[in-house]
């Protein structure tokens, strides 16, 4: 069995595909597993509202993209998100952190359905 990284095929697994077209298709399909994951699509949603969680539910508290990708005036992303992850007191979950915290630019979505 071939090695995987986080459940994804490694580059070496595609080396045996002689047809360039077939190899390109196989690599693209593997990349789409990442691009279409909730971790990517939550911050690259179709529309003006980010999503969260593996079930991709609307962000709570309800927020909007805003003009500069940092949220709408009065409820900027940094109201909740700081440079570091902050664990919930219950120990279940956290508020994700990164500096600067912002939504991905654009509002067109990233799924293959949005791009097709």
PDB file of N, CA and C in Angstrom:
ATOM      1  N   UNK A   1       0.845  -1.187   0.000  1.00  0.00           N
ATOM      2  CA  UNK A   1       0.000   0.000   0.000  1.00  0.00           C
ATOM      3  C   UNK A   1       0.885   1.244   0.000  1.00  0.00           C
ATOM      4  N   UNK A   2       0.509   2.200  -0.766  1.00  0.00           N
ATOM      5  CA  UNK A   2       1.302   3.425  -0.887  1.00  0.00           C
ATOM      6  C   UNK A   2       1.119   4.308   0.340  1.00  0.00           C
ATOM      7  N   UNK A   3       2.136   5.119   0.588  1.00  0.00           N
ATOM      8  CA  UNK A   3       2.057   6.070   1.691  1.00  0.00           C
ATOM      9  C   UNK A   3       1.113   7.206   1.319  1.00  0.00           C
ATOM     10  N   UNK A   4       0.464   7.748   2.335  1.00  0.00           N
ATOM     11  CA  UNK A   4      -0.361   8.933   2.132  1.00  0.00           C
ATOM     12  C   UNK A   4       0.030   9.973   3.174  1.00  0.00           C
ATOM     13  N   UNK A   5      -0.303  11.198   2.900  1.00  0.00           N
ATOM     14  CA  UNK A   5      -0.083  12.290   3.838  1.00  0.00           C
ATOM     15  C   UNK A   5      -1.452  12.896   4.108  1.00  0.00           C
ATOM     16  N   UNK A   6      -1.900  12.799   5.346  1.00  0.00           N
ATOM     17  CA  UNK A   6      -3.237  13.294   5.702  1.00  0.00           C
ATOM     18  C   UNK A   6      -4.313  12.721   4.788  1.00  0.00           C
ATOM     19  N   UNK A   7      -4.157  11.458   4.406  1.00  0.00           N
ATOM     20  CA  UNK A   7      -5.139  10.809   3.557  1.00  0.00           C
ATOM     21  C   UNK A   7      -5.010  11.118   2.082  1.00  0.00           C
ATOM     22  N   UNK A   8      -4.018  11.889   1.699  1.00  0.00           N
ATOM     23  CA  UNK A   8      -3.813  12.246   0.295  1.00  0.00           C
ATOM     24  C   UNK A   8      -2.658  11.452  -0.287  1.00  0.00           C
ATOM     25  N   UNK A   9      -2.731  11.171  -1.570  1.00  0.00           N
ATOM     26  CA  UNK A   9      -1.649  10.464  -2.248  1.00  0.00           C
ATOM     27  C   UNK A   9      -0.400  11.336  -2.305  1.00  0.00           C
ATOM     28  N   UNK A  10       0.743  10.693  -2.267  1.00  0.00           N
ATOM     29  CA  UNK A  10       2.001  11.427  -2.398  1.00  0.00           C
ATOM     30  C   UNK A  10       2.340  11.595  -3.880  1.00  0.00           C
ATOM     31  N   UNK A  11       3.254  12.480  -4.173  1.00  0.00           N
ATOM     32  CA  UNK A  11       3.674  12.747  -5.552  1.00  0.00           C
ATOM     33  C   UNK A  11       4.171  11.472  -6.220  1.00  0.00           C
ATOM     34  N   UNK A  12       4.892  10.645  -5.483  1.00  0.00           N
ATOM     35  CA  UNK A  12       5.449   9.415  -6.053  1.00  0.00           C
ATOM     36  C   UNK A  12       4.372   8.488  -6.604  1.00  0.00           C
ATOM     37  N   UNK A  13       3.180   8.547  -6.053  1.00  0.00           N
ATOM     38  CA  UNK A  13       2.115   7.656  -6.510  1.00  0.00           C
ATOM     39  C   UNK A  13       1.636   7.976  -7.923  1.00  0.00           C
ATOM     40  N   UNK A  14       1.947   9.143  -8.416  1.00  0.00           N
ATOM     41  CA  UNK A  14       1.519   9.530  -9.760  1.00  0.00           C
ATOM     42  C   UNK A  14       2.601   9.279 -10.809  1.00  0.00           C
ATOM     43  N   UNK A  15       3.808   8.970 -10.371  1.00  0.00           N
ATOM     44  CA  UNK A  15       4.939   8.797 -11.289  1.00  0.00           C
ATOM     45  C   UNK A  15       4.730   7.638 -12.256  1.00  0.00           C
ATOM     46  N   UNK A  16       3.989   6.622 -11.845  1.00  0.00           N
ATOM     47  CA  UNK A  16       3.783   5.451 -12.692  1.00  0.00           C
ATOM     48  C   UNK A  16       2.726   5.633 -13.765  1.00  0.00           C
ATOM     49  N   UNK A  17       2.053   6.745 -13.787  1.00  0.00           N
ATOM     50  CA  UNK A  17       1.031   7.002 -14.806  1.00  0.00           C
ATOM     51  C   UNK A  17       1.740   7.598 -16.019  1.00  0.00           C
ATOM     52  N   UNK A  18       1.861   6.801 -17.076  1.00  0.00           N
ATOM     53  CA  UNK A  18       2.646   7.222 -18.243  1.00  0.00           C
ATOM     54  C   UNK A  18       1.980   8.324 -19.056  1.00  0.00           C
ATOM     55  N   UNK A  19       0.674   8.241 -19.217  1.00  0.00           N
ATOM     56  CA  UNK A  19      -0.037   9.245 -20.011  1.00  0.00           C
ATOM     57  C   UNK A  19      -0.061  10.572 -19.251  1.00  0.00           C
ATOM     58  N   UNK A  20       0.458  11.617 -19.899  1.00  0.00           N
ATOM     59  CA  UNK A  20       0.471  12.931 -19.256  1.00  0.00           C
ATOM     60  C   UNK A  20      -0.945  13.408 -18.945  1.00  0.00           C
ATOM     61  N   UNK A  21      -1.881  13.150 -19.866  1.00  0.00           N
ATOM     62  CA  UNK A  21      -3.269  13.571 -19.657  1.00  0.00           C
ATOM     63  C   UNK A  21      -3.882  12.838 -18.463  1.00  0.00           C
ATOM     64  N   UNK A  22      -3.644  11.530 -18.369  1.00  0.00           N
ATOM     65  CA  UNK A  22      -4.186  10.755 -17.248  1.00  0.00           C
ATOM     66  C   UNK A  22      -3.532  11.165 -15.932  1.00  0.00           C
ATOM     67  N   UNK A  23      -2.218  11.414 -15.965  1.00  0.00           N
ATOM     68  CA  UNK A  23      -1.505  11.835 -14.753  1.00  0.00           C
ATOM     69  C   UNK A  23      -2.018  13.203 -14.300  1.00  0.00           C
ATOM     70  N   UNK A  24      -2.200  14.128 -15.241  1.00  0.00           N
ATOM     71  CA  UNK A  24      -2.710  15.461 -14.905  1.00  0.00           C
ATOM     72  C   UNK A  24      -4.102  15.376 -14.286  1.00  0.00           C
ATOM     73  N   UNK A  25      -4.945  14.534 -14.861  1.00  0.00           N
ATOM     74  CA  UNK A  25      -6.295  14.356 -14.321  1.00  0.00           C
ATOM     75  C   UNK A  25      -6.243  13.782 -12.914  1.00  0.00           C
ATOM     76  N   UNK A  26      -5.394  12.790 -12.701  1.00  0.00           N
ATOM     77  CA  UNK A  26      -5.275  12.168 -11.378  1.00  0.00           C
ATOM     78  C   UNK A  26      -4.767  13.157 -10.334  1.00  0.00           C
ATOM     79  N   UNK A  27      -3.770  13.954 -10.699  1.00  0.00           N
ATOM     80  CA  UNK A  27      -3.235  14.957  -9.769  1.00  0.00           C
ATOM     81  C   UNK A  27      -4.304  16.013  -9.474  1.00  0.00           C
ATOM     82  N   UNK A  28      -5.013  16.461 -10.500  1.00  0.00           N
ATOM     83  CA  UNK A  28      -6.069  17.455 -10.310  1.00  0.00           C
ATOM     84  C   UNK A  28      -7.147  16.934  -9.363  1.00  0.00           C
ATOM     85  N   UNK A  29      -7.558  15.682  -9.544  1.00  0.00           N
ATOM     86  CA  UNK A  29      -8.577  15.104  -8.669  1.00  0.00           C
ATOM     87  C   UNK A  29      -8.096  15.044  -7.221  1.00  0.00           C
ATOM     88  N   UNK A  30      -6.819  14.780  -7.022  1.00  0.00           N
ATOM     89  CA  UNK A  30      -6.266  14.745  -5.667  1.00  0.00           C
ATOM     90  C   UNK A  30      -6.236  16.150  -5.060  1.00  0.00           C
ATOM     91  N   UNK A  31      -5.855  17.145  -5.853  1.00  0.00           N
ATOM     92  CA  UNK A  31      -5.835  18.535  -5.380  1.00  0.00           C
ATOM     93  C   UNK A  31      -7.248  18.996  -5.016  1.00  0.00           C
ATOM     94  N   UNK A  32      -8.248  18.578  -5.784  1.00  0.00           N
ATOM     95  CA  UNK A  32      -9.627  18.980  -5.506  1.00  0.00           C
ATOM     96  C   UNK A  32     -10.103  18.480  -4.147  1.00  0.00           C
ATOM     97  N   UNK A  33      -9.535  17.388  -3.643  1.00  0.00           N
ATOM     98  CA  UNK A  33      -9.894  16.911  -2.299  1.00  0.00           C
ATOM     99  C   UNK A  33      -9.553  17.972  -1.258  1.00  0.00           C
ATOM    100  N   UNK A  34      -8.484  18.705  -1.494  1.00  0.00           N
ATOM    101  CA  UNK A  34      -8.084  19.775  -0.573  1.00  0.00           C
ATOM    102  C   UNK A  34      -8.951  21.006  -0.803  1.00  0.00           C
ATOM    103  N   UNK A  35      -9.055  21.431  -2.044  1.00  0.00           N
ATOM    104  CA  UNK A  35      -9.784  22.658  -2.366  1.00  0.00           C
ATOM    105  C   UNK A  35     -11.247  22.570  -1.947  1.00  0.00           C
ATOM    106  N   UNK A  36     -11.843  21.380  -2.057  1.00  0.00           N
ATOM    107  CA  UNK A  36     -13.253  21.231  -1.710  1.00  0.00           C
ATOM    108  C   UNK A  36     -13.480  20.810  -0.261  1.00  0.00           C
ATOM    109  N   UNK A  37     -12.444  20.842   0.553  1.00  0.00           N
ATOM    110  CA  UNK A  37     -12.622  20.501   1.965  1.00  0.00           C
ATOM    111  C   UNK A  37     -13.280  21.673   2.689  1.00  0.00           C
ATOM    112  N   UNK A  38     -14.027  21.390   3.753  1.00  0.00           N
ATOM    113  CA  UNK A  38     -14.629  22.479   4.522  1.00  0.00           C
ATOM    114  C   UNK A  38     -13.596  23.495   5.007  1.00  0.00           C
ATOM    115  N   UNK A  39     -12.394  23.037   5.302  1.00  0.00           N
ATOM    116  CA  UNK A  39     -11.365  23.957   5.796  1.00  0.00           C
ATOM    117  C   UNK A  39     -11.097  25.073   4.775  1.00  0.00           C
ATOM    118  N   UNK A  40     -11.160  24.754   3.489  1.00  0.00           N
ATOM    119  CA  UNK A  40     -10.969  25.778   2.449  1.00  0.00           C
ATOM    120  C   UNK A  40     -12.270  26.516   2.133  1.00  0.00           C
ATOM    121  N   UNK A  41     -13.336  25.753   1.906  1.00  0.00           N
ATOM    122  CA  UNK A  41     -14.579  26.368   1.446  1.00  0.00           C
ATOM    123  C   UNK A  41     -15.250  27.241   2.499  1.00  0.00           C
ATOM    124  N   UNK A  42     -15.003  26.987   3.781  1.00  0.00           N
ATOM    125  CA  UNK A  42     -15.606  27.831   4.819  1.00  0.00           C
ATOM    126  C   UNK A  42     -15.166  29.285   4.687  1.00  0.00           C
ATOM    127  N   UNK A  43     -13.932  29.510   4.297  1.00  0.00           N
ATOM    128  CA  UNK A  43     -13.415  30.875   4.163  1.00  0.00           C
ATOM    129  C   UNK A  43     -13.465  31.382   2.727  1.00  0.00           C
ATOM    130  N   UNK A  44     -13.804  30.510   1.803  1.00  0.00           N
ATOM    131  CA  UNK A  44     -13.952  30.875   0.391  1.00  0.00           C
ATOM    132  C   UNK A  44     -15.371  30.515  -0.044  1.00  0.00           C
ATOM    133  N   UNK A  45     -16.388  31.067   0.633  1.00  0.00           N
ATOM    134  CA  UNK A  45     -17.758  30.662   0.317  1.00  0.00           C
ATOM    135  C   UNK A  45     -18.303  31.378  -0.910  1.00  0.00           C
ATOM    136  N   UNK A  46     -19.358  30.827  -1.444  1.00  0.00           N
ATOM    137  CA  UNK A  46     -20.128  31.561  -2.442  1.00  0.00           C
ATOM    138  C   UNK A  46     -20.965  32.552  -1.637  1.00  0.00           C
ATOM    139  N   UNK A  47     -20.936  33.790  -1.985  1.00  0.00           N
ATOM    140  CA  UNK A  47     -21.718  34.769  -1.250  1.00  0.00           C
ATOM    141  C   UNK A  47     -20.882  35.562  -0.267  1.00  0.00           C
ATOM    142  N   UNK A  48     -21.558  36.243   0.643  1.00  0.00           N
ATOM    143  CA  UNK A  48     -20.927  37.233   1.503  1.00  0.00           C
ATOM    144  C   UNK A  48     -20.792  36.787   2.959  1.00  0.00           C
ATOM    145  N   UNK A  49     -21.164  35.552   3.269  1.00  0.00           N
ATOM    146  CA  UNK A  49     -21.146  35.078   4.644  1.00  0.00           C
ATOM    147  C   UNK A  49     -20.244  33.862   4.769  1.00  0.00           C
ATOM    148  N   UNK A  50     -19.242  33.907   5.653  1.00  0.00           N
ATOM    149  CA  UNK A  50     -18.384  32.741   5.836  1.00  0.00           C
ATOM    150  C   UNK A  50     -19.140  31.598   6.505  1.00  0.00           C
ATOM    151  N   UNK A  51     -18.591  30.421   6.373  1.00  0.00           N
ATOM    152  CA  UNK A  51     -19.153  29.216   6.980  1.00  0.00           C
ATOM    153  C   UNK A  51     -18.178  28.713   8.023  1.00  0.00           C
ATOM    154  N   UNK A  52     -18.601  27.700   8.806  1.00  0.00           N
ATOM    155  CA  UNK A  52     -17.682  27.118   9.773  1.00  0.00           C
ATOM    156  C   UNK A  52     -18.078  25.678  10.069  1.00  0.00           C
ATOM    157  N   UNK A  53     -17.100  24.913  10.533  1.00  0.00           N
ATOM    158  CA  UNK A  53     -17.329  23.520  10.906  1.00  0.00           C
ATOM    159  C   UNK A  53     -17.278  22.584   9.717  1.00  0.00           C
ATOM    160  N   UNK A  54     -17.141  21.291  10.018  1.00  0.00           N
ATOM    161  CA  UNK A  54     -17.110  20.288   8.956  1.00  0.00           C
ATOM    162  C   UNK A  54     -18.435  20.207   8.210  1.00  0.00           C
ATOM    163  N   UNK A  55     -19.532  20.621   8.863  1.00  0.00           N
ATOM    164  CA  UNK A  55     -20.835  20.609   8.197  1.00  0.00           C
ATOM    165  C   UNK A  55     -21.110  21.911   7.440  1.00  0.00           C
ATOM    166  N   UNK A  56     -20.146  22.834   7.485  1.00  0.00           N
ATOM    167  CA  UNK A  56     -20.189  24.086   6.736  1.00  0.00           C
ATOM    168  C   UNK A  56     -21.450  24.902   7.030  1.00  0.00           C
ATOM    169  N   UNK A  57     -21.792  25.038   8.308  1.00  0.00           N
ATOM    170  CA  UNK A  57     -22.946  25.848   8.699  1.00  0.00           C
ATOM    171  C   UNK A  57     -22.556  27.328   8.704  1.00  0.00           C
ATOM    172  N   UNK A  58     -23.546  28.216   8.619  1.00  0.00           N
ATOM    173  CA  UNK A  58     -23.237  29.649   8.623  1.00  0.00           C
ATOM    174  C   UNK A  58     -22.468  30.053   9.885  1.00  0.00           C
ATOM    175  N   UNK A  59     -21.537  30.957   9.717  1.00  0.00           N
ATOM    176  CA  UNK A  59     -20.699  31.440  10.813  1.00  0.00           C
ATOM    177  C   UNK A  59     -21.565  31.996  11.941  1.00  0.00           C
ATOM    178  N   UNK A  60     -21.212  31.651  13.166  1.00  0.00           N
ATOM    179  CA  UNK A  60     -21.865  32.207  14.350  1.00  0.00           C
ATOM    180  C   UNK A  60     -20.813  32.899  15.182  1.00  0.00           C
ATOM    181  N   UNK A  61     -20.953  34.146  15.544  1.00  0.00           N
ATOM    182  CA  UNK A  61     -22.115  34.982  15.281  1.00  0.00           C
ATOM    183  C   UNK A  61     -22.199  35.330  13.800  1.00  0.00           C
ATOM    184  N   UNK A  62     -23.404  35.684  13.349  1.00  0.00           N
ATOM    185  CA  UNK A  62     -23.572  36.024  11.936  1.00  0.00           C
ATOM    186  C   UNK A  62     -22.693  37.221  11.559  1.00  0.00           C
ATOM    187  N   UNK A  63     -21.904  37.061  10.536  1.00  0.00           N
ATOM    188  CA  UNK A  63     -21.025  38.137  10.078  1.00  0.00           C
ATOM    189  C   UNK A  63     -21.110  38.251   8.561  1.00  0.00           C
ATOM    190  N   UNK A  64     -20.654  39.366   8.055  1.00  0.00           N
ATOM    191  CA  UNK A  64     -20.595  39.613   6.622  1.00  0.00           C
ATOM    192  C   UNK A  64     -19.150  39.829   6.210  1.00  0.00           C
ATOM    193  N   UNK A  65     -18.901  39.665   4.943  1.00  0.00           N
ATOM    194  CA  UNK A  65     -17.558  39.778   4.384  1.00  0.00           C
ATOM    195  C   UNK A  65     -16.959  41.157   4.625  1.00  0.00           C
ATOM    196  N   UNK A  66     -17.701  42.194   4.334  1.00  0.00           N
ATOM    197  CA  UNK A  66     -17.192  43.561   4.490  1.00  0.00           C
ATOM    198  C   UNK A  66     -16.367  43.985   3.292  1.00  0.00           C
ATOM    199  N   UNK A  67     -16.166  45.267   3.145  1.00  0.00           N
ATOM    200  CA  UNK A  67     -15.495  45.809   1.975  1.00  0.00           C
ATOM    201  C   UNK A  67     -14.014  45.525   1.877  1.00  0.00           C
ATOM    202  N   UNK A  68     -13.330  45.350   2.997  1.00  0.00           N
ATOM    203  CA  UNK A  68     -11.878  45.161   2.969  1.00  0.00           C
ATOM    204  C   UNK A  68     -11.467  43.755   3.401  1.00  0.00           C
ATOM    205  N   UNK A  69     -12.404  42.806   3.396  1.00  0.00           N
ATOM    206  CA  UNK A  69     -12.143  41.402   3.745  1.00  0.00           C
ATOM    207  C   UNK A  69     -11.893  41.185   5.235  1.00  0.00           C
ATOM    208  N   UNK A  70     -12.184  42.171   6.079  1.00  0.00           N
ATOM    209  CA  UNK A  70     -11.977  42.047   7.526  1.00  0.00           C
ATOM    210  C   UNK A  70     -13.292  42.053   8.290  1.00  0.00           C
ATOM    211  N   UNK A  71     -14.418  41.870   7.614  1.00  0.00           N
ATOM    212  CA  UNK A  71     -15.717  41.941   8.260  1.00  0.00           C
ATOM    213  C   UNK A  71     -16.339  43.313   8.077  1.00  0.00           C
ATOM    214  N   UNK A  72     -17.587  43.405   8.487  1.00  0.00           N
ATOM    215  CA  UNK A  72     -18.316  44.666   8.346  1.00  0.00           C
ATOM    216  C   UNK A  72     -17.996  45.599   9.515  1.00  0.00           C
ATOM    217  N   UNK A  73     -18.062  46.910   9.294  1.00  0.00           N
ATOM    218  CA  UNK A  73     -17.825  47.847  10.396  1.00  0.00           C
ATOM    219  C   UNK A  73     -18.711  47.512  11.594  1.00  0.00           C
ATOM    220  N   UNK A  74     -18.111  47.526  12.765  1.00  0.00           N
ATOM    221  CA  UNK A  74     -18.826  47.195  13.988  1.00  0.00           C
ATOM    222  C   UNK A  74     -18.672  45.748  14.402  1.00  0.00           C
ATOM    223  N   UNK A  75     -18.292  44.889  13.473  1.00  0.00           N
ATOM    224  CA  UNK A  75     -18.062  43.480  13.803  1.00  0.00           C
ATOM    225  C   UNK A  75     -16.947  42.931  12.909  1.00  0.00           C
ATOM    226  N   UNK A  76     -15.784  43.527  13.073  1.00  0.00           N
ATOM    227  CA  UNK A  76     -14.626  43.065  12.311  1.00  0.00           C
ATOM    228  C   UNK A  76     -14.203  41.681  12.783  1.00  0.00           C
ATOM    229  N   UNK A  77     -13.517  40.953  11.935  1.00  0.00           N
ATOM    230  CA  UNK A  77     -13.040  39.606  12.273  1.00  0.00           C
ATOM    231  C   UNK A  77     -12.243  39.604  13.580  1.00  0.00           C
ATOM    232  N   UNK A  78     -11.466  40.655  13.798  1.00  0.00           N
ATOM    233  CA  UNK A  78     -10.609  40.708  14.987  1.00  0.00           C
ATOM    234  C   UNK A  78     -11.393  40.959  16.274  1.00  0.00           C
ATOM    235  N   UNK A  79     -12.713  41.156  16.169  1.00  0.00           N
ATOM    236  CA  UNK A  79     -13.537  41.221  17.375  1.00  0.00           C
ATOM    237  C   UNK A  79     -13.446  39.895  18.114  1.00  0.00           C
ATOM    238  N   UNK A  80     -13.370  38.795  17.371  1.00  0.00           N
ATOM    239  CA  UNK A  80     -13.303  37.449  17.957  1.00  0.00           C
ATOM    240  C   UNK A  80     -11.961  36.786  17.736  1.00  0.00           C
ATOM    241  N   UNK A  81     -11.393  36.957  16.569  1.00  0.00           N
ATOM    242  CA  UNK A  81     -10.185  36.233  16.184  1.00  0.00           C
ATOM    243  C   UNK A  81      -8.944  37.059  16.485  1.00  0.00           C
ATOM    244  N   UNK A  82      -7.992  36.438  17.176  1.00  0.00           N
ATOM    245  CA  UNK A  82      -6.731  37.109  17.489  1.00  0.00           C
ATOM    246  C   UNK A  82      -5.592  36.384  16.775  1.00  0.00           C
ATOM    247  N   UNK A  83      -4.371  36.670  17.151  1.00  0.00           N
ATOM    248  CA  UNK A  83      -3.211  36.060  16.497  1.00  0.00           C
ATOM    249  C   UNK A  83      -3.053  34.584  16.860  1.00  0.00           C
ATOM    250  N   UNK A  84      -3.605  34.158  17.983  1.00  0.00           N
ATOM    251  CA  UNK A  84      -3.452  32.775  18.461  1.00  0.00           C
ATOM    252  C   UNK A  84      -4.816  32.105  18.585  1.00  0.00           C
ATOM    253  N   UNK A  85      -4.835  30.768  18.473  1.00  0.00           N
ATOM    254  CA  UNK A  85      -6.053  30.028  18.776  1.00  0.00           C
ATOM    255  C   UNK A  85      -6.384  30.215  20.252  1.00  0.00           C
ATOM    256  N   UNK A  86      -7.664  30.320  20.572  1.00  0.00           N
ATOM    257  CA  UNK A  86      -8.111  30.454  21.959  1.00  0.00           C
ATOM    258  C   UNK A  86      -9.059  29.301  22.253  1.00  0.00           C
ATOM    259  N   UNK A  87      -8.672  28.430  23.181  1.00  0.00           N
ATOM    260  CA  UNK A  87      -9.483  27.260  23.521  1.00  0.00           C
ATOM    261  C   UNK A  87     -10.727  27.679  24.298  1.00  0.00           C
ATOM    262  N   UNK A  88     -11.846  27.016  24.021  1.00  0.00           N
ATOM    263  CA  UNK A  88     -13.055  27.236  24.806  1.00  0.00           C
ATOM    264  C   UNK A  88     -12.833  26.696  26.211  1.00  0.00           C
ATOM    265  N   UNK A  89     -13.461  27.290  27.193  1.00  0.00           N
ATOM    266  CA  UNK A  89     -13.321  26.834  28.578  1.00  0.00           C
ATOM    267  C   UNK A  89     -13.816  25.403  28.755  1.00  0.00           C
ATOM    268  N   UNK A  90     -14.756  24.973  27.914  1.00  0.00           N
ATOM    269  CA  UNK A  90     -15.276  23.608  27.991  1.00  0.00           C
ATOM    270  C   UNK A  90     -14.261  22.586  27.501  1.00  0.00           C
ATOM    271  N   UNK A  91     -13.235  23.059  26.802  1.00  0.00           N
ATOM    272  CA  UNK A  91     -12.247  22.152  26.235  1.00  0.00           C
ATOM    273  C   UNK A  91     -12.659  21.576  24.895  1.00  0.00           C
ATOM    274  N   UNK A  92     -13.869  21.876  24.444  1.00  0.00           N
ATOM    275  CA  UNK A  92     -14.362  21.370  23.162  1.00  0.00           C
ATOM    276  C   UNK A  92     -14.373  22.506  22.154  1.00  0.00           C
ATOM    277  N   UNK A  93     -13.370  22.554  21.302  1.00  0.00           N
ATOM    278  CA  UNK A  93     -13.319  23.562  20.263  1.00  0.00           C
ATOM    279  C   UNK A  93     -12.470  24.759  20.641  1.00  0.00           C
ATOM    280  N   UNK A  94     -12.375  25.681  19.700  1.00  0.00           N
ATOM    281  CA  UNK A  94     -11.600  26.894  19.928  1.00  0.00           C
ATOM    282  C   UNK A  94     -12.030  27.977  18.951  1.00  0.00           C
ATOM    283  N   UNK A  95     -11.570  29.170  19.225  1.00  0.00           N
ATOM    284  CA  UNK A  95     -11.700  30.268  18.269  1.00  0.00           C
ATOM    285  C   UNK A  95     -10.374  30.311  17.529  1.00  0.00           C
ATOM    286  N   UNK A  96     -10.425  30.079  16.241  1.00  0.00           N
ATOM    287  CA  UNK A  96      -9.203  30.016  15.443  1.00  0.00           C
ATOM    288  C   UNK A  96      -8.501  31.359  15.421  1.00  0.00           C
ATOM    289  N   UNK A  97      -7.176  31.309  15.394  1.00  0.00           N
ATOM    290  CA  UNK A  97      -6.397  32.532  15.370  1.00  0.00           C
ATOM    291  C   UNK A  97      -5.382  32.557  14.250  1.00  0.00           C
ATOM    292  N   UNK A  98      -5.058  33.740  13.823  1.00  0.00           N
ATOM    293  CA  UNK A  98      -4.040  33.979  12.807  1.00  0.00           C
ATOM    294  C   UNK A  98      -3.898  35.490  12.695  1.00  0.00           C
ATOM    295  N   UNK A  99      -2.725  35.950  12.384  1.00  0.00           N
ATOM    296  CA  UNK A  99      -2.545  37.391  12.241  1.00  0.00           C
ATOM    297  C   UNK A  99      -2.065  37.719  10.833  1.00  0.00           C
ATOM    298  N   UNK A 100      -2.773  38.509  10.074  1.00  0.00           N
ATOM    299  CA  UNK A 100      -4.064  39.096  10.401  1.00  0.00           C
ATOM    300  C   UNK A 100      -5.191  38.134  10.054  1.00  0.00           C
ATOM    301  N   UNK A 101      -6.240  38.106  10.851  1.00  0.00           N
ATOM    302  CA  UNK A 101      -7.395  37.262  10.552  1.00  0.00           C
ATOM    303  C   UNK A 101      -8.289  38.021   9.591  1.00  0.00           C
ATOM    304  N   UNK A 102      -8.624  37.390   8.481  1.00  0.00           N
ATOM    305  CA  UNK A 102      -9.516  38.011   7.508  1.00  0.00           C
ATOM    306  C   UNK A 102     -10.094  36.941   6.612  1.00  0.00           C
ATOM    307  N   UNK A 103     -11.143  37.294   5.911  1.00  0.00           N
ATOM    308  CA  UNK A 103     -11.713  36.386   4.930  1.00  0.00           C
ATOM    309  C   UNK A 103     -10.895  36.429   3.656  1.00  0.00           C
ATOM    310  N   UNK A 104     -10.979  35.357   2.916  1.00  0.00           N
ATOM    311  CA  UNK A 104     -10.316  35.322   1.618  1.00  0.00           C
ATOM    312  C   UNK A 104     -10.954  36.371   0.712  1.00  0.00           C
ATOM    313  N   UNK A 105     -10.165  37.000  -0.151  1.00  0.00           N
ATOM    314  CA  UNK A 105     -10.728  38.005  -1.051  1.00  0.00           C
ATOM    315  C   UNK A 105     -11.740  37.395  -2.011  1.00  0.00           C
ATOM    316  N   UNK A 106     -12.683  38.173  -2.412  1.00  0.00           N
ATOM    317  CA  UNK A 106     -13.676  37.723  -3.380  1.00  0.00           C
ATOM    318  C   UNK A 106     -14.840  37.030  -2.711  1.00  0.00           C
ATOM    319  N   UNK A 107     -15.894  36.839  -3.477  1.00  0.00           N
ATOM    320  CA  UNK A 107     -17.102  36.232  -2.931  1.00  0.00           C
ATOM    321  C   UNK A 107     -17.676  35.199  -3.890  1.00  0.00           C
ATOM    322  N   UNK A 108     -16.863  34.670  -4.767  1.00  0.00           N
ATOM    323  CA  UNK A 108     -17.375  33.797  -5.815  1.00  0.00           C
ATOM    324  C   UNK A 108     -17.346  32.321  -5.467  1.00  0.00           C
ATOM    325  N   UNK A 109     -16.718  31.932  -4.376  1.00  0.00           N
ATOM    326  CA  UNK A 109     -16.636  30.529  -4.028  1.00  0.00           C
ATOM    327  C   UNK A 109     -15.509  29.833  -4.767  1.00  0.00           C
ATOM    328  N   UNK A 110     -15.135  28.665  -4.262  1.00  0.00           N
ATOM    329  CA  UNK A 110     -14.001  27.932  -4.818  1.00  0.00           C
ATOM    330  C   UNK A 110     -14.340  26.531  -5.301  1.00  0.00           C
ATOM    331  N   UNK A 111     -15.538  26.040  -5.060  1.00  0.00           N
ATOM    332  CA  UNK A 111     -15.821  24.656  -5.420  1.00  0.00           C
ATOM    333  C   UNK A 111     -15.787  24.482  -6.935  1.00  0.00           C
ATOM    334  N   UNK A 112     -15.642  23.250  -7.373  1.00  0.00           N
ATOM    335  CA  UNK A 112     -15.598  23.009  -8.819  1.00  0.00           C
ATOM    336  C   UNK A 112     -16.921  23.419  -9.458  1.00  0.00           C
ATOM    337  N   UNK A 113     -18.022  23.402  -8.693  1.00  0.00           N
ATOM    338  CA  UNK A 113     -19.310  23.838  -9.227  1.00  0.00           C
ATOM    339  C   UNK A 113     -19.311  25.347  -9.459  1.00  0.00           C
ATOM    340  N   UNK A 114     -18.633  26.087  -8.570  1.00  0.00           N
ATOM    341  CA  UNK A 114     -18.537  27.533  -8.750  1.00  0.00           C
ATOM    342  C   UNK A 114     -17.628  27.878  -9.919  1.00  0.00           C
ATOM    343  N   UNK A 115     -16.616  27.078 -10.142  1.00  0.00           N
ATOM    344  CA  UNK A 115     -15.613  27.359 -11.172  1.00  0.00           C
ATOM    345  C   UNK A 115     -15.991  26.796 -12.533  1.00  0.00           C
ATOM    346  N   UNK A 116     -16.936  25.872 -12.580  1.00  0.00           N
ATOM    347  CA  UNK A 116     -17.287  25.214 -13.851  1.00  0.00           C
ATOM    348  C   UNK A 116     -18.021  26.161 -14.777  1.00  0.00           C
TER     349      UNK A 116
END
